[in-house]
Amino acid sequence: TLAEIGRVYRDSGMLIDPHTATGTAAARRSRSNGATVCLSTAHPAKFPDAVEKATGIRPELPPELGDLMERTERISDLPADLAAVSDFVRGVSRVSR
């Protein structure tokens, strides 16, 4: 997991959390010929020690996430179906129009 966090950072400049790293590693190793979407599951600053160990950078929570550790955890179980995932993302996204 730490190796994947480091690889993603070196390759893209993005900091990712350990759970997302598990997903990106699985996606990278997949033998699928189709496109793969990997949704990040947490802000990297939720796991500052792991991210710092993997990248040398200690992420900080942005001000709007200052109460992150006190928030209620939300979990959504989705089927492996593009339409279902698309509908879910549209439903929870706050997009400016």
N, C-alpha and C. Protein backbone atom coordinates (compact mmCIF):
# COMPACT_ATOMS: atom_id res chain seq x y z
N THR A 1 0.82 -1.20 0.00
CA THR A 1 0.00 0.00 0.00
C THR A 1 0.86 1.26 0.00
N LEU A 2 1.89 1.28 0.85
CA LEU A 2 2.78 2.45 0.87
C LEU A 2 3.48 2.61 -0.47
N ALA A 3 3.90 1.49 -1.07
CA ALA A 3 4.56 1.56 -2.37
C ALA A 3 3.62 2.15 -3.42
N GLU A 4 2.35 1.79 -3.37
CA GLU A 4 1.38 2.31 -4.33
C GLU A 4 1.13 3.80 -4.11
N ILE A 5 1.04 4.23 -2.86
CA ILE A 5 0.89 5.66 -2.57
C ILE A 5 2.08 6.42 -3.17
N GLY A 6 3.28 5.90 -2.96
CA GLY A 6 4.47 6.53 -3.51
C GLY A 6 4.49 6.53 -5.02
N ARG A 7 4.09 5.41 -5.64
CA ARG A 7 4.08 5.32 -7.10
C ARG A 7 3.11 6.32 -7.70
N VAL A 8 1.91 6.40 -7.14
CA VAL A 8 0.92 7.34 -7.67
C VAL A 8 1.43 8.77 -7.53
N TYR A 9 2.05 9.08 -6.41
CA TYR A 9 2.59 10.43 -6.22
C TYR A 9 3.70 10.73 -7.24
N ARG A 10 4.62 9.79 -7.40
CA ARG A 10 5.72 10.01 -8.36
C ARG A 10 5.20 10.14 -9.79
N ASP A 11 4.22 9.32 -10.15
CA ASP A 11 3.71 9.32 -11.52
C ASP A 11 2.77 10.48 -11.83
N SER A 12 2.02 10.94 -10.83
CA SER A 12 0.97 11.93 -11.12
C SER A 12 1.02 13.20 -10.28
N GLY A 13 1.78 13.16 -9.18
CA GLY A 13 1.80 14.30 -8.27
C GLY A 13 0.61 14.32 -7.32
N MET A 14 -0.23 13.29 -7.38
CA MET A 14 -1.41 13.23 -6.50
C MET A 14 -1.09 12.46 -5.23
N LEU A 15 -1.55 12.99 -4.11
CA LEU A 15 -1.47 12.26 -2.85
C LEU A 15 -2.77 11.49 -2.69
N ILE A 16 -2.66 10.20 -2.36
CA ILE A 16 -3.85 9.38 -2.15
C ILE A 16 -3.77 8.70 -0.79
N ASP A 17 -4.92 8.29 -0.28
CA ASP A 17 -4.98 7.61 1.01
C ASP A 17 -4.74 6.11 0.82
N PRO A 18 -4.49 5.37 1.90
CA PRO A 18 -4.21 3.94 1.78
C PRO A 18 -5.34 3.12 1.16
N HIS A 19 -6.59 3.46 1.44
CA HIS A 19 -7.70 2.70 0.86
C HIS A 19 -7.77 2.92 -0.65
N THR A 20 -7.58 4.15 -1.07
CA THR A 20 -7.57 4.44 -2.50
C THR A 20 -6.39 3.75 -3.16
N ALA A 21 -5.25 3.69 -2.48
CA ALA A 21 -4.07 3.01 -3.02
C ALA A 21 -4.36 1.54 -3.29
N THR A 22 -5.14 0.91 -2.43
CA THR A 22 -5.51 -0.48 -2.66
C THR A 22 -6.31 -0.60 -3.96
N GLY A 23 -7.21 0.34 -4.18
CA GLY A 23 -8.01 0.34 -5.41
C GLY A 23 -7.20 0.62 -6.65
N THR A 24 -6.28 1.60 -6.58
CA THR A 24 -5.48 1.91 -7.77
C THR A 24 -4.53 0.77 -8.10
N ALA A 25 -4.01 0.10 -7.08
CA ALA A 25 -3.12 -1.04 -7.33
C ALA A 25 -3.90 -2.17 -7.99
N ALA A 26 -5.10 -2.44 -7.51
CA ALA A 26 -5.93 -3.49 -8.12
C ALA A 26 -6.28 -3.13 -9.56
N ALA A 27 -6.62 -1.87 -9.79
CA ALA A 27 -6.97 -1.43 -11.14
C ALA A 27 -5.77 -1.57 -12.08
N ARG A 28 -4.61 -1.20 -11.59
CA ARG A 28 -3.40 -1.28 -12.42
C ARG A 28 -3.07 -2.73 -12.76
N ARG A 29 -3.31 -3.63 -11.84
CA ARG A 29 -2.99 -5.05 -12.07
C ARG A 29 -4.09 -5.79 -12.83
N SER A 30 -5.22 -5.16 -13.00
CA SER A 30 -6.35 -5.78 -13.69
C SER A 30 -5.98 -6.09 -15.13
N ARG A 31 -6.50 -7.16 -15.62
CA ARG A 31 -6.24 -7.55 -17.01
C ARG A 31 -7.35 -7.04 -17.94
N SER A 32 -8.17 -6.16 -17.43
CA SER A 32 -9.28 -5.62 -18.22
C SER A 32 -8.75 -4.74 -19.34
N ASN A 33 -9.39 -4.86 -20.50
CA ASN A 33 -9.03 -4.02 -21.63
C ASN A 33 -9.83 -2.72 -21.64
N GLY A 34 -10.84 -2.65 -20.79
CA GLY A 34 -11.69 -1.47 -20.74
C GLY A 34 -11.14 -0.40 -19.82
N ALA A 35 -11.79 0.73 -19.84
CA ALA A 35 -11.41 1.84 -18.96
C ALA A 35 -11.75 1.47 -17.52
N THR A 36 -10.97 1.98 -16.59
CA THR A 36 -11.20 1.72 -15.17
C THR A 36 -11.35 3.05 -14.45
N VAL A 37 -12.33 3.14 -13.59
CA VAL A 37 -12.53 4.33 -12.76
C VAL A 37 -12.25 3.94 -11.33
N CYS A 38 -11.41 4.71 -10.67
CA CYS A 38 -11.11 4.46 -9.26
C CYS A 38 -11.49 5.72 -8.48
N LEU A 39 -12.48 5.59 -7.63
CA LEU A 39 -12.93 6.73 -6.83
C LEU A 39 -12.15 6.77 -5.53
N SER A 40 -11.64 7.93 -5.20
CA SER A 40 -10.92 8.08 -3.93
C SER A 40 -11.90 7.93 -2.78
N THR A 41 -11.43 7.32 -1.72
CA THR A 41 -12.32 7.03 -0.61
C THR A 41 -12.12 7.93 0.60
N ALA A 42 -11.02 8.64 0.66
CA ALA A 42 -10.76 9.51 1.81
C ALA A 42 -9.73 10.56 1.43
N HIS A 43 -9.68 11.63 2.19
CA HIS A 43 -8.64 12.64 2.00
C HIS A 43 -7.33 12.06 2.53
N PRO A 44 -6.22 12.26 1.84
CA PRO A 44 -4.94 11.71 2.31
C PRO A 44 -4.57 12.18 3.72
N ALA A 45 -5.04 13.35 4.13
CA ALA A 45 -4.71 13.86 5.47
C ALA A 45 -5.40 13.08 6.58
N LYS A 46 -6.34 12.21 6.23
CA LYS A 46 -6.95 11.35 7.24
C LYS A 46 -5.93 10.30 7.70
N PHE A 47 -4.91 10.06 6.88
CA PHE A 47 -3.86 9.07 7.17
C PHE A 47 -2.49 9.72 7.00
N PRO A 48 -2.20 10.79 7.74
CA PRO A 48 -0.97 11.56 7.49
C PRO A 48 0.31 10.76 7.68
N ASP A 49 0.36 9.85 8.65
CA ASP A 49 1.59 9.09 8.89
C ASP A 49 1.92 8.19 7.70
N ALA A 50 0.92 7.50 7.17
CA ALA A 50 1.15 6.60 6.04
C ALA A 50 1.56 7.37 4.80
N VAL A 51 0.87 8.47 4.52
CA VAL A 51 1.18 9.26 3.32
C VAL A 51 2.58 9.86 3.43
N GLU A 52 2.93 10.35 4.62
CA GLU A 52 4.27 10.92 4.81
C GLU A 52 5.34 9.85 4.66
N LYS A 53 5.10 8.67 5.19
CA LYS A 53 6.07 7.58 5.07
C LYS A 53 6.29 7.20 3.61
N ALA A 54 5.24 7.23 2.81
CA ALA A 54 5.31 6.83 1.41
C ALA A 54 5.87 7.91 0.49
N THR A 55 5.65 9.19 0.85
CA THR A 55 5.99 10.28 -0.08
C THR A 55 6.95 11.32 0.48
N GLY A 56 7.10 11.34 1.80
CA GLY A 56 7.90 12.40 2.42
C GLY A 56 7.11 13.68 2.63
N ILE A 57 5.83 13.66 2.27
CA ILE A 57 4.96 14.83 2.41
C ILE A 57 3.88 14.51 3.44
N ARG A 58 3.73 15.39 4.42
CA ARG A 58 2.68 15.21 5.42
C ARG A 58 1.49 16.06 5.00
N PRO A 59 0.42 15.42 4.55
CA PRO A 59 -0.74 16.19 4.08
C PRO A 59 -1.48 16.84 5.25
N GLU A 60 -2.02 18.00 4.98
CA GLU A 60 -2.81 18.71 5.98
C GLU A 60 -4.25 18.82 5.49
N LEU A 61 -5.16 18.75 6.44
CA LEU A 61 -6.57 18.90 6.08
C LEU A 61 -6.85 20.33 5.65
N PRO A 62 -7.58 20.52 4.55
CA PRO A 62 -8.00 21.87 4.20
C PRO A 62 -9.01 22.35 5.25
N PRO A 63 -9.14 23.66 5.42
CA PRO A 63 -10.03 24.21 6.46
C PRO A 63 -11.44 23.63 6.43
N GLU A 64 -11.99 23.40 5.24
CA GLU A 64 -13.36 22.90 5.16
C GLU A 64 -13.51 21.46 5.65
N LEU A 65 -12.40 20.78 5.88
CA LEU A 65 -12.44 19.42 6.42
C LEU A 65 -11.89 19.35 7.85
N GLY A 66 -11.81 20.49 8.51
CA GLY A 66 -11.25 20.55 9.85
C GLY A 66 -11.94 19.65 10.86
N ASP A 67 -13.22 19.37 10.65
CA ASP A 67 -13.96 18.50 11.58
C ASP A 67 -14.10 17.07 11.04
N LEU A 68 -13.26 16.70 10.11
CA LEU A 68 -13.38 15.40 9.44
C LEU A 68 -13.43 14.22 10.40
N MET A 69 -12.58 14.23 11.40
CA MET A 69 -12.51 13.08 12.31
C MET A 69 -13.74 12.98 13.22
N GLU A 70 -14.53 14.04 13.31
CA GLU A 70 -15.74 14.01 14.13
C GLU A 70 -16.99 13.68 13.31
N ARG A 71 -16.87 13.68 11.99
CA ARG A 71 -18.04 13.44 11.14
C ARG A 71 -18.47 11.98 11.17
N THR A 72 -19.75 11.77 10.90
CA THR A 72 -20.28 10.42 10.80
C THR A 72 -19.80 9.79 9.49
N GLU A 73 -19.30 8.57 9.58
CA GLU A 73 -18.83 7.86 8.40
C GLU A 73 -20.02 7.45 7.54
N ARG A 74 -19.89 7.64 6.23
CA ARG A 74 -20.94 7.25 5.30
C ARG A 74 -20.38 6.18 4.36
N ILE A 75 -21.11 5.10 4.21
CA ILE A 75 -20.68 3.99 3.36
C ILE A 75 -21.78 3.71 2.35
N SER A 76 -21.40 3.55 1.09
CA SER A 76 -22.36 3.21 0.04
C SER A 76 -21.88 1.96 -0.67
N ASP A 77 -22.72 0.95 -0.72
CA ASP A 77 -22.40 -0.30 -1.39
C ASP A 77 -23.07 -0.26 -2.76
N LEU A 78 -22.26 -0.24 -3.82
CA LEU A 78 -22.80 -0.12 -5.17
C LEU A 78 -22.54 -1.39 -5.97
N PRO A 79 -23.44 -1.70 -6.89
CA PRO A 79 -23.18 -2.85 -7.77
C PRO A 79 -22.09 -2.49 -8.78
N ALA A 80 -21.46 -3.49 -9.34
CA ALA A 80 -20.44 -3.28 -10.37
C ALA A 80 -21.14 -2.99 -11.69
N ASP A 81 -21.72 -1.80 -11.76
CA ASP A 81 -22.54 -1.41 -12.90
C ASP A 81 -22.30 0.07 -13.18
N LEU A 82 -21.87 0.39 -14.40
CA LEU A 82 -21.52 1.77 -14.75
C LEU A 82 -22.68 2.73 -14.51
N ALA A 83 -23.88 2.36 -14.91
CA ALA A 83 -25.02 3.26 -14.73
C ALA A 83 -25.28 3.53 -13.25
N ALA A 84 -25.17 2.50 -12.43
CA ALA A 84 -25.40 2.69 -10.99
C ALA A 84 -24.35 3.60 -10.38
N VAL A 85 -23.09 3.41 -10.76
CA VAL A 85 -22.02 4.26 -10.23
C VAL A 85 -22.19 5.69 -10.72
N SER A 86 -22.51 5.86 -12.01
CA SER A 86 -22.72 7.20 -12.57
C SER A 86 -23.86 7.92 -11.85
N ASP A 87 -24.96 7.21 -11.65
CA ASP A 87 -26.10 7.81 -10.95
C ASP A 87 -25.72 8.21 -9.53
N PHE A 88 -24.97 7.35 -8.86
CA PHE A 88 -24.56 7.65 -7.49
C PHE A 88 -23.68 8.90 -7.44
N VAL A 89 -22.68 8.95 -8.32
CA VAL A 89 -21.76 10.10 -8.33
C VAL A 89 -22.53 11.38 -8.63
N ARG A 90 -23.43 11.34 -9.60
CA ARG A 90 -24.24 12.52 -9.90
C ARG A 90 -25.08 12.94 -8.70
N GLY A 91 -25.60 11.97 -7.98
CA GLY A 91 -26.46 12.25 -6.84
C GLY A 91 -25.74 12.87 -5.66
N VAL A 92 -24.48 12.53 -5.46
CA VAL A 92 -23.75 13.05 -4.30
C VAL A 92 -22.81 14.19 -4.64
N SER A 93 -22.63 14.47 -5.92
CA SER A 93 -21.71 15.54 -6.32
C SER A 93 -22.36 16.90 -6.16
N ARG A 94 -21.52 17.85 -5.80
CA ARG A 94 -21.95 19.24 -5.73
C ARG A 94 -21.27 19.97 -6.87
N VAL A 95 -21.91 20.01 -8.00
CA VAL A 95 -21.33 20.61 -9.19
C VAL A 95 -21.94 21.99 -9.39
N SER A 96 -21.07 22.97 -9.62
CA SER A 96 -21.55 24.32 -9.92
C SER A 96 -21.97 24.37 -11.38
N ARG A 97 -23.10 24.98 -11.61
CA ARG A 97 -23.57 25.09 -13.00
C ARG A 97 -23.75 26.51 -13.38
